[in-house]
Amino acid sequence: MYDVESSELGHATRTDSSAKRVNMLVVCQARSWPLDTYLQLEHPLQKRIREIVATLAELMPKDMPATVDGCSLPTYVLSATFTARLFACLAPPQSAPQVENTGLTTV
């Protein structure tokens, strides 16, 4: 089990990014992906997140420039149009492209 409190990420448990980090680590653990490199763009988790966001925004992953947010998490630069497409997937979620749609239906 990954111990967030004793890691270099311990500070993240006291910020609004802690839920994102914990969820990312849970997915990594469930899929037997490395836990210590989950923030790197080359990590399987980050690749999958990029694929899902690209699919929902109707883009190619290579067309989404990557950057790092204020909490060291990878994020992607999207225009307002593509961001609107992502939000449109939330209501109604059943109209969203099929990409691990379970989370979308429970929002």
N, C-alpha and C. Protein backbone atom coordinates (compact mmCIF):
# COMPACT_ATOMS: atom_id res chain seq x y z
N MET A 1 0.85 -1.18 0.00
CA MET A 1 0.00 0.00 0.00
C MET A 1 0.88 1.24 0.00
N TYR A 2 0.53 2.21 -0.80
CA TYR A 2 1.28 3.45 -0.92
C TYR A 2 0.93 4.36 0.25
N ASP A 3 1.92 4.87 0.94
CA ASP A 3 1.69 5.72 2.10
C ASP A 3 1.93 7.18 1.70
N VAL A 4 0.84 7.88 1.38
CA VAL A 4 0.95 9.26 0.91
C VAL A 4 1.54 10.16 1.98
N GLU A 5 1.16 9.96 3.22
CA GLU A 5 1.63 10.83 4.30
C GLU A 5 3.14 10.82 4.45
N SER A 6 3.78 9.67 4.24
CA SER A 6 5.23 9.60 4.45
C SER A 6 6.01 9.87 3.17
N SER A 7 5.33 10.10 2.07
CA SER A 7 6.02 10.34 0.81
C SER A 7 6.27 11.83 0.61
N GLU A 8 6.94 12.13 -0.50
CA GLU A 8 7.16 13.53 -0.83
C GLU A 8 5.85 14.22 -1.16
N LEU A 9 4.77 13.46 -1.29
CA LEU A 9 3.46 14.02 -1.59
C LEU A 9 2.65 14.30 -0.34
N GLY A 10 3.22 14.10 0.82
CA GLY A 10 2.49 14.28 2.07
C GLY A 10 1.76 15.59 2.15
N HIS A 11 2.39 16.65 1.64
CA HIS A 11 1.74 17.95 1.65
C HIS A 11 0.44 17.95 0.85
N ALA A 12 0.33 17.09 -0.12
CA ALA A 12 -0.84 17.07 -0.99
C ALA A 12 -2.09 16.57 -0.27
N THR A 13 -1.93 15.89 0.85
CA THR A 13 -3.11 15.41 1.57
C THR A 13 -3.82 16.55 2.27
N ARG A 14 -3.22 17.70 2.28
CA ARG A 14 -3.84 18.85 2.92
C ARG A 14 -4.22 19.92 1.90
N THR A 15 -4.39 19.54 0.66
CA THR A 15 -4.80 20.47 -0.39
C THR A 15 -5.99 19.90 -1.13
N ASP A 16 -6.55 20.70 -2.02
CA ASP A 16 -7.71 20.21 -2.78
C ASP A 16 -7.32 19.18 -3.83
N SER A 17 -6.04 18.97 -4.04
CA SER A 17 -5.62 17.96 -5.01
C SER A 17 -5.50 16.57 -4.38
N SER A 18 -5.71 16.46 -3.09
CA SER A 18 -5.50 15.17 -2.44
C SER A 18 -6.43 14.09 -2.97
N ALA A 19 -7.68 14.42 -3.26
CA ALA A 19 -8.61 13.42 -3.78
C ALA A 19 -8.16 12.94 -5.16
N LYS A 20 -7.69 13.87 -5.99
CA LYS A 20 -7.20 13.46 -7.32
C LYS A 20 -6.02 12.52 -7.17
N ARG A 21 -5.10 12.85 -6.28
CA ARG A 21 -3.91 12.03 -6.08
C ARG A 21 -4.28 10.65 -5.55
N VAL A 22 -5.14 10.60 -4.57
CA VAL A 22 -5.54 9.32 -4.00
C VAL A 22 -6.23 8.46 -5.06
N ASN A 23 -7.12 9.06 -5.82
CA ASN A 23 -7.79 8.30 -6.89
C ASN A 23 -6.79 7.78 -7.91
N MET A 24 -5.82 8.60 -8.27
CA MET A 24 -4.80 8.16 -9.23
C MET A 24 -4.02 6.98 -8.67
N LEU A 25 -3.66 7.06 -7.41
CA LEU A 25 -2.89 5.98 -6.79
C LEU A 25 -3.72 4.70 -6.66
N VAL A 26 -5.00 4.83 -6.37
CA VAL A 26 -5.88 3.66 -6.29
C VAL A 26 -5.96 2.97 -7.65
N VAL A 27 -6.11 3.75 -8.72
CA VAL A 27 -6.16 3.17 -10.06
C VAL A 27 -4.84 2.47 -10.37
N CYS A 28 -3.73 3.13 -10.05
CA CYS A 28 -2.42 2.51 -10.31
C CYS A 28 -2.28 1.20 -9.56
N GLN A 29 -2.67 1.20 -8.31
CA GLN A 29 -2.55 -0.02 -7.52
C GLN A 29 -3.46 -1.12 -8.08
N ALA A 30 -4.67 -0.76 -8.46
CA ALA A 30 -5.61 -1.75 -8.99
C ALA A 30 -5.12 -2.36 -10.30
N ARG A 31 -4.39 -1.58 -11.07
CA ARG A 31 -3.91 -2.07 -12.37
C ARG A 31 -2.46 -2.51 -12.34
N SER A 32 -1.90 -2.57 -11.15
CA SER A 32 -0.50 -2.99 -10.96
C SER A 32 0.48 -2.11 -11.73
N TRP A 33 0.18 -0.82 -11.79
CA TRP A 33 1.08 0.14 -12.41
C TRP A 33 2.00 0.71 -11.34
N PRO A 34 3.18 1.17 -11.70
CA PRO A 34 4.10 1.74 -10.71
C PRO A 34 3.45 2.91 -9.97
N LEU A 35 3.69 2.97 -8.69
CA LEU A 35 3.12 4.05 -7.88
C LEU A 35 4.04 5.26 -7.78
N ASP A 36 5.32 5.03 -7.84
CA ASP A 36 6.25 6.13 -7.58
C ASP A 36 6.44 7.09 -8.75
N THR A 37 5.96 6.73 -9.93
CA THR A 37 6.15 7.59 -11.10
C THR A 37 4.82 8.03 -11.72
N TYR A 38 3.73 7.94 -10.96
CA TYR A 38 2.41 8.18 -11.53
C TYR A 38 2.19 9.61 -12.02
N LEU A 39 3.03 10.54 -11.63
CA LEU A 39 2.89 11.92 -12.09
C LEU A 39 3.60 12.19 -13.42
N GLN A 40 4.38 11.26 -13.88
CA GLN A 40 5.13 11.45 -15.12
C GLN A 40 4.23 11.21 -16.33
N LEU A 41 4.38 12.05 -17.34
CA LEU A 41 3.53 11.95 -18.54
C LEU A 41 3.64 10.60 -19.23
N GLU A 42 4.76 9.91 -19.08
CA GLU A 42 4.96 8.63 -19.74
C GLU A 42 4.33 7.47 -18.96
N HIS A 43 3.84 7.73 -17.76
CA HIS A 43 3.25 6.68 -16.93
C HIS A 43 1.95 6.19 -17.57
N PRO A 44 1.66 4.88 -17.46
CA PRO A 44 0.43 4.34 -18.06
C PRO A 44 -0.84 5.09 -17.62
N LEU A 45 -0.91 5.52 -16.37
CA LEU A 45 -2.07 6.26 -15.90
C LEU A 45 -2.22 7.58 -16.64
N GLN A 46 -1.14 8.32 -16.74
CA GLN A 46 -1.20 9.62 -17.42
C GLN A 46 -1.51 9.46 -18.90
N LYS A 47 -0.97 8.41 -19.51
CA LYS A 47 -1.29 8.14 -20.91
C LYS A 47 -2.78 7.86 -21.07
N ARG A 48 -3.34 7.07 -20.15
CA ARG A 48 -4.76 6.73 -20.23
C ARG A 48 -5.63 7.95 -19.99
N ILE A 49 -5.26 8.79 -19.03
CA ILE A 49 -6.01 10.02 -18.78
C ILE A 49 -6.00 10.89 -20.03
N ARG A 50 -4.84 11.01 -20.64
CA ARG A 50 -4.72 11.83 -21.86
C ARG A 50 -5.60 11.26 -22.97
N GLU A 51 -5.62 9.94 -23.13
CA GLU A 51 -6.46 9.31 -24.15
C GLU A 51 -7.94 9.58 -23.90
N ILE A 52 -8.36 9.48 -22.65
CA ILE A 52 -9.77 9.71 -22.31
C ILE A 52 -10.15 11.16 -22.57
N VAL A 53 -9.34 12.09 -22.11
CA VAL A 53 -9.63 13.51 -22.32
C VAL A 53 -9.67 13.82 -23.82
N ALA A 54 -8.72 13.27 -24.56
CA ALA A 54 -8.68 13.50 -26.01
C ALA A 54 -9.93 12.96 -26.69
N THR A 55 -10.35 11.77 -26.31
CA THR A 55 -11.55 11.18 -26.90
C THR A 55 -12.77 12.03 -26.61
N LEU A 56 -12.93 12.44 -25.37
CA LEU A 56 -14.10 13.24 -24.99
C LEU A 56 -14.08 14.62 -25.66
N ALA A 57 -12.89 15.19 -25.85
CA ALA A 57 -12.76 16.50 -26.49
C ALA A 57 -12.73 16.39 -28.01
N GLU A 58 -12.75 15.15 -28.51
CA GLU A 58 -12.70 14.89 -29.94
C GLU A 58 -11.40 15.43 -30.56
N LEU A 59 -10.30 15.10 -29.90
CA LEU A 59 -8.96 15.49 -30.33
C LEU A 59 -8.08 14.25 -30.40
N MET A 60 -6.93 14.41 -31.00
CA MET A 60 -5.88 13.39 -30.93
C MET A 60 -5.03 13.74 -29.70
N PRO A 61 -4.59 12.74 -28.93
CA PRO A 61 -3.76 13.04 -27.76
C PRO A 61 -2.55 13.93 -28.08
N LYS A 62 -1.95 13.72 -29.24
CA LYS A 62 -0.77 14.51 -29.61
C LYS A 62 -1.10 15.99 -29.81
N ASP A 63 -2.39 16.31 -30.00
CA ASP A 63 -2.82 17.68 -30.21
C ASP A 63 -3.16 18.41 -28.92
N MET A 64 -2.87 17.78 -27.79
CA MET A 64 -3.15 18.39 -26.49
C MET A 64 -1.83 18.67 -25.78
N PRO A 65 -1.34 19.90 -25.83
CA PRO A 65 -0.09 20.21 -25.12
C PRO A 65 -0.24 19.93 -23.63
N ALA A 66 0.78 19.36 -23.05
CA ALA A 66 0.77 19.04 -21.62
C ALA A 66 1.51 20.11 -20.84
N THR A 67 1.06 20.31 -19.63
CA THR A 67 1.73 21.20 -18.69
C THR A 67 1.54 20.61 -17.29
N VAL A 68 1.99 21.30 -16.28
CA VAL A 68 1.86 20.83 -14.90
C VAL A 68 1.09 21.89 -14.12
N ASP A 69 0.08 21.46 -13.36
CA ASP A 69 -0.68 22.43 -12.57
C ASP A 69 0.07 22.79 -11.29
N GLY A 70 -0.51 23.60 -10.46
CA GLY A 70 0.13 24.07 -9.24
C GLY A 70 0.37 23.00 -8.20
N CYS A 71 -0.18 21.82 -8.41
CA CYS A 71 -0.02 20.72 -7.46
C CYS A 71 0.83 19.59 -8.05
N SER A 72 1.58 19.88 -9.08
CA SER A 72 2.47 18.91 -9.73
C SER A 72 1.76 17.86 -10.55
N LEU A 73 0.48 18.04 -10.81
CA LEU A 73 -0.28 17.07 -11.60
C LEU A 73 -0.26 17.47 -13.08
N PRO A 74 -0.05 16.50 -13.97
CA PRO A 74 -0.11 16.80 -15.39
C PRO A 74 -1.52 17.29 -15.76
N THR A 75 -1.57 18.24 -16.64
CA THR A 75 -2.83 18.75 -17.15
C THR A 75 -2.63 19.14 -18.61
N TYR A 76 -3.71 19.42 -19.30
CA TYR A 76 -3.61 19.66 -20.73
C TYR A 76 -4.20 21.01 -21.10
N VAL A 77 -3.59 21.63 -22.08
CA VAL A 77 -4.04 22.92 -22.57
C VAL A 77 -5.11 22.68 -23.63
N LEU A 78 -6.32 23.17 -23.37
CA LEU A 78 -7.43 23.01 -24.30
C LEU A 78 -8.08 24.37 -24.55
N SER A 79 -8.55 24.56 -25.76
CA SER A 79 -9.28 25.79 -26.06
C SER A 79 -10.63 25.76 -25.34
N ALA A 80 -11.30 26.89 -25.34
CA ALA A 80 -12.63 26.97 -24.72
C ALA A 80 -13.61 26.01 -25.43
N THR A 81 -13.47 25.88 -26.74
CA THR A 81 -14.35 24.98 -27.49
C THR A 81 -14.19 23.54 -27.03
N PHE A 82 -12.95 23.08 -26.91
CA PHE A 82 -12.72 21.70 -26.50
C PHE A 82 -13.07 21.49 -25.03
N THR A 83 -12.85 22.50 -24.21
CA THR A 83 -13.24 22.42 -22.80
C THR A 83 -14.77 22.31 -22.70
N ALA A 84 -15.48 23.07 -23.53
CA ALA A 84 -16.94 23.00 -23.55
C ALA A 84 -17.40 21.60 -23.95
N ARG A 85 -16.71 20.96 -24.90
CA ARG A 85 -17.06 19.59 -25.28
C ARG A 85 -16.94 18.64 -24.10
N LEU A 86 -15.89 18.84 -23.30
CA LEU A 86 -15.72 17.99 -22.12
C LEU A 86 -16.88 18.18 -21.14
N PHE A 87 -17.25 19.42 -20.87
CA PHE A 87 -18.37 19.67 -19.96
C PHE A 87 -19.68 19.16 -20.53
N ALA A 88 -19.84 19.21 -21.83
CA ALA A 88 -21.06 18.71 -22.46
C ALA A 88 -21.22 17.21 -22.23
N CYS A 89 -20.13 16.51 -22.03
CA CYS A 89 -20.19 15.06 -21.77
C CYS A 89 -20.79 14.74 -20.42
N LEU A 90 -20.84 15.72 -19.53
CA LEU A 90 -21.37 15.46 -18.19
C LEU A 90 -22.90 15.41 -18.18
N ALA A 91 -23.55 16.06 -19.14
CA ALA A 91 -25.00 16.08 -19.13
C ALA A 91 -25.50 16.08 -20.56
N PRO A 92 -26.12 15.07 -21.05
CA PRO A 92 -26.29 13.75 -20.44
C PRO A 92 -25.07 12.87 -20.71
N PRO A 93 -24.56 12.20 -19.70
CA PRO A 93 -23.33 11.41 -19.88
C PRO A 93 -23.47 10.26 -20.86
N GLN A 94 -24.67 9.74 -21.05
CA GLN A 94 -24.83 8.62 -21.98
C GLN A 94 -24.54 9.02 -23.42
N SER A 95 -24.51 10.32 -23.69
CA SER A 95 -24.17 10.77 -25.04
C SER A 95 -22.67 10.93 -25.24
N ALA A 96 -21.90 10.78 -24.17
CA ALA A 96 -20.45 10.90 -24.25
C ALA A 96 -19.86 9.72 -25.00
N PRO A 97 -18.73 9.92 -25.65
CA PRO A 97 -18.04 8.77 -26.26
C PRO A 97 -17.76 7.70 -25.21
N GLN A 98 -17.76 6.46 -25.60
CA GLN A 98 -17.56 5.36 -24.67
C GLN A 98 -16.11 5.24 -24.23
N VAL A 99 -15.78 5.82 -23.10
CA VAL A 99 -14.45 5.69 -22.49
C VAL A 99 -14.66 5.57 -20.98
N GLU A 100 -14.59 4.38 -20.50
CA GLU A 100 -14.74 4.17 -19.05
C GLU A 100 -15.81 5.11 -18.51
N ASN A 101 -16.98 5.03 -19.09
CA ASN A 101 -18.07 5.95 -18.89
C ASN A 101 -18.71 5.87 -17.51
N THR A 102 -18.34 4.91 -16.70
CA THR A 102 -18.96 4.71 -15.40
C THR A 102 -18.93 5.97 -14.55
N GLY A 103 -17.77 6.61 -14.49
CA GLY A 103 -17.66 7.82 -13.69
C GLY A 103 -18.53 8.94 -14.19
N LEU A 104 -18.71 9.02 -15.49
CA LEU A 104 -19.55 10.08 -16.05
C LEU A 104 -21.01 9.89 -15.67
N THR A 105 -21.46 8.67 -15.56
CA THR A 105 -22.87 8.44 -15.26
C THR A 105 -23.18 8.68 -13.79
N THR A 106 -22.17 8.76 -12.94
CA THR A 106 -22.43 8.97 -11.52
C THR A 106 -22.21 10.40 -11.08
N VAL A 107 -21.86 11.29 -12.01
CA VAL A 107 -21.65 12.69 -11.66
C VAL A 107 -22.96 13.34 -11.35
